[in-house]
Protein backbone atom coordinates (compact mmCIF):
# COMPACT_ATOMS: atom_id res chain seq x y z
CA MET A 1 -0.04 0.04 0.11
CA ASN A 2 0.90 3.79 -0.27
CA SER A 3 1.64 5.36 2.90
CA LEU A 4 0.83 9.23 3.36
CA VAL A 5 3.85 11.37 4.45
CA ALA A 6 4.02 14.94 5.72
CA SER A 7 5.58 17.35 2.94
CA MET A 8 6.08 21.03 3.16
CA ASP A 9 6.42 21.18 -0.55
CA GLN A 10 3.87 22.68 -2.53
CA GLY A 11 1.54 20.54 -4.76
CA GLY A 12 -1.51 18.68 -4.34
CA GLY A 13 -2.78 16.64 -1.27
CA LYS A 14 -4.38 17.40 1.91
CA ARG A 15 -3.44 20.23 4.12
CA ARG A 16 -4.11 20.17 7.78
CA GLY A 17 -2.15 22.60 10.50
CA GLY A 18 -0.34 24.02 7.69
CA THR A 19 1.45 20.68 6.36
CA ARG A 20 0.62 19.44 3.07
CA PHE A 21 0.21 15.60 2.61
CA THR A 22 1.40 13.68 -0.54
CA GLN A 23 1.58 9.97 -1.58
CA ALA A 24 4.89 8.12 -0.94
CA THR A 25 6.27 4.45 -1.30
CA PRO A 26 5.51 2.03 1.44
CA ASP A 27 8.87 2.11 2.92
CA VAL A 28 9.40 5.76 3.31
CA LEU A 29 7.61 6.38 6.32
CA ASP A 30 5.97 3.66 8.31
CA THR A 31 4.41 0.16 8.44
CA LEU A 32 0.89 1.16 9.13
CA ARG A 33 -1.47 -1.40 7.64
CA ARG A 34 -4.71 -0.94 5.88
CA GLU A 35 -7.63 -0.37 8.40
CA GLY A 36 -9.23 -4.02 8.98
CA GLU A 37 -6.13 -5.98 8.55
CA SER A 38 -5.33 -6.26 11.84
CA THR A 39 -6.88 -8.35 14.50
CA ALA A 40 -5.84 -6.55 17.48
CA MET A 41 -8.10 -5.03 20.02
CA ARG A 42 -6.04 -2.31 21.77
CA ARG A 43 -3.55 0.28 20.02
CA LEU A 44 -0.63 1.32 22.14
CA MET A 45 1.67 4.27 21.37
CA LEU A 46 4.57 5.66 23.05
CA LEU A 47 5.47 9.26 22.58
CA ARG A 48 8.90 10.60 23.83
CA HIS A 49 8.74 14.47 24.70
CA ALA A 50 10.05 17.03 22.17
CA LYS A 51 13.83 18.32 22.26
CA THR A 52 14.11 20.30 25.55
CA LYS A 53 16.49 23.30 26.84
CA ARG A 54 19.18 22.30 29.32
CA ALA A 55 18.24 22.72 32.65
CA LYS A 56 19.52 26.23 34.40
CA PRO A 57 21.34 26.32 37.58
CA GLY A 58 18.80 25.51 40.21
CA GLU A 59 16.09 24.54 38.03
CA ARG A 60 14.29 21.45 38.73
CA ASP A 61 14.74 18.50 35.76
CA ARG A 62 10.94 18.28 35.62
CA ASP A 63 10.54 21.86 35.01
CA ARG A 64 12.71 22.04 31.92
CA LYS A 65 11.13 23.54 29.10
CA LEU A 66 10.84 22.70 25.30
CA ASN A 67 13.42 24.48 23.02
CA LYS A 68 12.95 26.14 19.50
CA ARG A 69 13.26 22.75 17.69
CA GLY A 70 10.83 20.81 20.10
CA ARG A 71 8.26 23.54 19.61
CA ALA A 72 8.41 22.87 15.86
CA ASP A 73 8.79 19.14 15.92
CA ALA A 74 5.72 18.65 18.12
CA PRO A 75 3.06 20.47 15.97
CA THR A 76 4.40 18.52 12.97
CA LEU A 77 3.91 15.11 14.68
CA GLY A 78 0.38 16.18 15.80
CA ALA A 79 -0.49 16.93 11.93
CA TYR A 80 1.21 13.40 11.33
CA MET A 81 -0.90 11.58 13.93
CA ALA A 82 -4.36 13.53 12.68
CA HIS A 83 -3.83 12.67 9.24
CA HIS A 84 -3.43 8.99 9.83
CA GLY A 85 -5.91 8.54 12.09
CA LEU A 86 -3.64 7.99 15.27
CA VAL A 87 -5.87 10.09 17.51
CA PRO A 88 -5.91 8.22 20.89
CA ASP A 89 -8.88 7.81 23.22
CA LEU A 90 -6.79 8.63 26.17
CA ALA A 91 -3.39 10.47 26.96
CA LEU A 92 -1.43 9.39 29.69
CA VAL A 93 1.32 12.08 30.26
CA SER A 94 4.24 12.48 32.79
CA PRO A 95 4.03 15.53 34.98
CA ALA A 96 7.12 16.91 33.63
CA ALA A 97 6.65 20.07 31.72
CA ARG A 98 8.31 18.97 28.72
CA ALA A 99 6.08 16.13 28.48
CA GLN A 100 2.92 18.22 29.05
CA ASP A 101 4.01 20.83 26.84
CA THR A 102 4.74 18.23 24.10
CA TRP A 103 1.30 16.63 24.42
CA THR A 104 -0.22 20.18 24.14
CA LEU A 105 1.02 20.92 20.71
CA VAL A 106 0.35 17.56 19.45
CA ALA A 107 -2.95 17.75 20.59
CA ASP A 108 -3.50 20.96 18.85
CA ALA A 109 -3.76 19.20 15.42
CA PHE A 110 -6.67 17.04 16.59
CA ASP A 111 -10.09 17.91 15.61
CA LYS A 112 -11.44 16.32 18.91
CA LYS A 113 -9.26 16.62 21.90
CA PRO A 114 -8.56 13.25 23.60
CA ARG A 115 -8.71 12.86 27.39
CA VAL A 116 -5.80 13.73 29.54
CA GLN A 117 -4.55 12.05 32.94
CA LEU A 118 -1.13 13.34 34.18
CA ASP A 119 0.71 10.12 35.91
CA ASP A 120 3.36 10.81 38.29
CA ARG A 121 4.52 7.34 37.94
CA ILE A 122 5.67 7.95 34.04
CA TYR A 123 8.30 10.39 35.16
CA ASN A 124 11.94 8.82 36.04
CA ALA A 125 10.07 5.39 35.61
CA SER A 126 11.44 1.75 35.08
CA PRO A 127 9.79 -0.40 32.41
CA GLN A 128 8.01 -2.29 35.02
CA LYS A 129 6.25 0.77 36.28
CA LEU A 130 5.08 1.60 32.89
CA LEU A 131 3.52 -1.78 32.25
CA ALA A 132 1.76 -1.51 35.63
CA VAL A 133 0.49 1.80 34.47
CA ILE A 134 -0.96 0.22 30.98
CA THR A 135 -2.27 -2.73 32.62
CA GLU A 136 -4.58 -0.87 34.82
CA PRO A 137 -8.52 -1.62 33.89
CA ARG A 138 -9.85 1.29 31.70
CA ARG A 139 -12.36 1.58 28.77
CA ALA A 140 -10.07 3.39 26.47
CA ARG A 141 -9.39 1.40 23.16
CA SER A 142 -6.26 3.25 22.29
CA LEU A 143 -3.75 5.02 24.40
CA VAL A 144 -0.81 7.12 24.21
CA MET A 145 1.96 7.35 26.86
CA VAL A 146 3.99 10.61 26.82
CA GLY A 147 7.33 10.15 28.69
CA HIS A 148 10.92 10.05 28.94
CA ASN A 149 14.00 7.78 28.01
CA PRO A 150 15.61 5.46 28.85
CA SER A 151 12.14 3.87 30.66
CA LEU A 152 10.00 4.46 27.55
CA HIS A 153 12.51 3.12 24.96
CA GLU A 154 13.25 0.04 27.22
CA PHE A 155 9.42 -0.65 27.63
CA ALA A 156 8.81 -0.46 23.63
CA LEU A 157 11.53 -2.89 23.09
CA GLN A 158 10.30 -5.24 25.84
CA LEU A 159 6.77 -5.08 24.49
CA ILE A 160 7.24 -5.83 20.77
CA ASP A 161 7.52 -9.32 19.44
CA SER A 162 6.72 -8.74 15.74
CA GLY A 163 6.49 -6.05 12.87
CA ASP A 164 8.76 -5.23 9.99
CA VAL A 165 12.35 -6.30 10.93
CA GLN A 166 14.01 -3.14 9.51
CA VAL A 167 11.92 -0.61 11.34
CA ARG A 168 12.35 -2.80 14.52
CA GLU A 169 15.88 -2.82 14.17
CA GLN A 170 15.56 1.23 13.70
CA LEU A 171 13.93 1.35 16.73
CA HIS A 172 16.35 -0.86 18.94
CA ASP A 173 18.75 1.78 18.09
CA ASN A 174 17.19 4.62 19.51
CA LEU A 175 13.99 6.39 20.29
CA PRO A 176 14.50 10.03 19.76
CA THR A 177 12.94 13.19 20.99
CA SER A 178 9.35 13.47 19.38
CA GLY A 179 9.84 9.68 18.28
CA LEU A 180 6.41 8.06 17.92
CA VAL A 181 5.98 4.33 18.43
CA VAL A 182 2.74 2.65 17.36
CA MET A 183 2.02 -0.96 18.43
CA GLU A 184 -1.06 -3.46 18.41
CA LEU A 185 -1.91 -5.70 21.07
CA PRO A 186 -4.04 -8.79 20.70
CA ILE A 187 -6.09 -8.23 23.80
CA ASP A 188 -9.42 -7.53 24.73
CA GLU A 189 -8.64 -5.63 28.07
CA TRP A 190 -5.71 -3.70 29.11
CA PRO A 191 -4.82 -5.54 32.02
CA GLN A 192 -4.02 -8.79 29.61
CA ALA A 193 -1.03 -6.72 28.20
CA ARG A 194 2.24 -8.58 28.75
CA PRO A 195 5.91 -8.27 27.24
CA HIS A 196 6.85 -9.67 23.79
CA ALA A 197 3.05 -9.53 22.95
CA ALA A 198 2.78 -6.32 20.91
CA ARG A 199 3.17 -6.00 16.94
CA LEU A 200 5.13 -2.88 15.87
CA GLU A 201 3.00 -0.91 13.70
CA GLY A 202 4.74 2.24 12.97
CA PHE A 203 7.59 4.20 13.99
CA VAL A 204 7.88 8.02 13.33
CA THR A 205 10.57 10.28 13.93
CA ARG A 206 11.52 13.94 12.73
CA HIS A 207 14.02 12.93 10.51
CA VAL A 208 11.93 10.39 8.71
CA ILE A 209 9.25 13.07 8.20
CA ALA A 210 12.01 15.56 6.85
CA ALA A 211 13.33 13.07 4.56
CA ALA A 212 10.08 12.14 3.03
CA SER A 213 9.31 15.89 2.55
CA GLU A 214 12.32 16.76 0.41
C-alpha cells in the first residue's frame, strides 16, 4: 500500500495545520497497515517528549521547557497523527513540563481532543512501572503514553515481538525526542497486556518526516 507522508512542498494533497500531505512508497515513512487488516483489539502509542532546553542553575529537571526545535517538531508530529487517524482515546502524560508541553502542541492538531491524565509514575519510571500503568483497567481502546527515555525506549523494546524487521532494528537503536512508536496488542482488556506480545505498526521520527518531505 502507499503510505501518506508529511510534506512541506507545494503541490496536491490534503492540508492540516499548515502541513501538506502527498503520496509516497510503502517503505518511506511507516508500516501502518490498512484498516481492517489487524486483529488486535487495543492500540498503544509511546511518545517521547520533544527536544528540551538544558536545565538552568537551580532548575528542577521536571521544570525544563521545550526548546525552539522541540516546539516545531511537536505540531508536525501532531499533524501526522491526525492525518493517519492516530488520535488516541486517552493520553497518559508525565507531569514533567516538557512532556505536558509536547502533548499540548501535538493535540492542537486534533479536531477532537483526547482525554488527558497526568500520571506521576511515568516520570523517572522503570519499564515495569510503565507496564503497571498500562495494565490498569480502563475503557479506552487506544492509548498514548507521553514520557521519557530510557524507560520509554526500554518499555517499547520489551513489549514488541513482531512487525517489520527493518523498522524494529531502527527502533532498537534509539527512540529520539518526538519519536512515536505505534503498536497493537491482541487483547480484549488492558490488564491482559504482557511483554513480548505487541506488533510494531509504525515508528515515526522527525528525521523520517523531513526526509520524506524533500
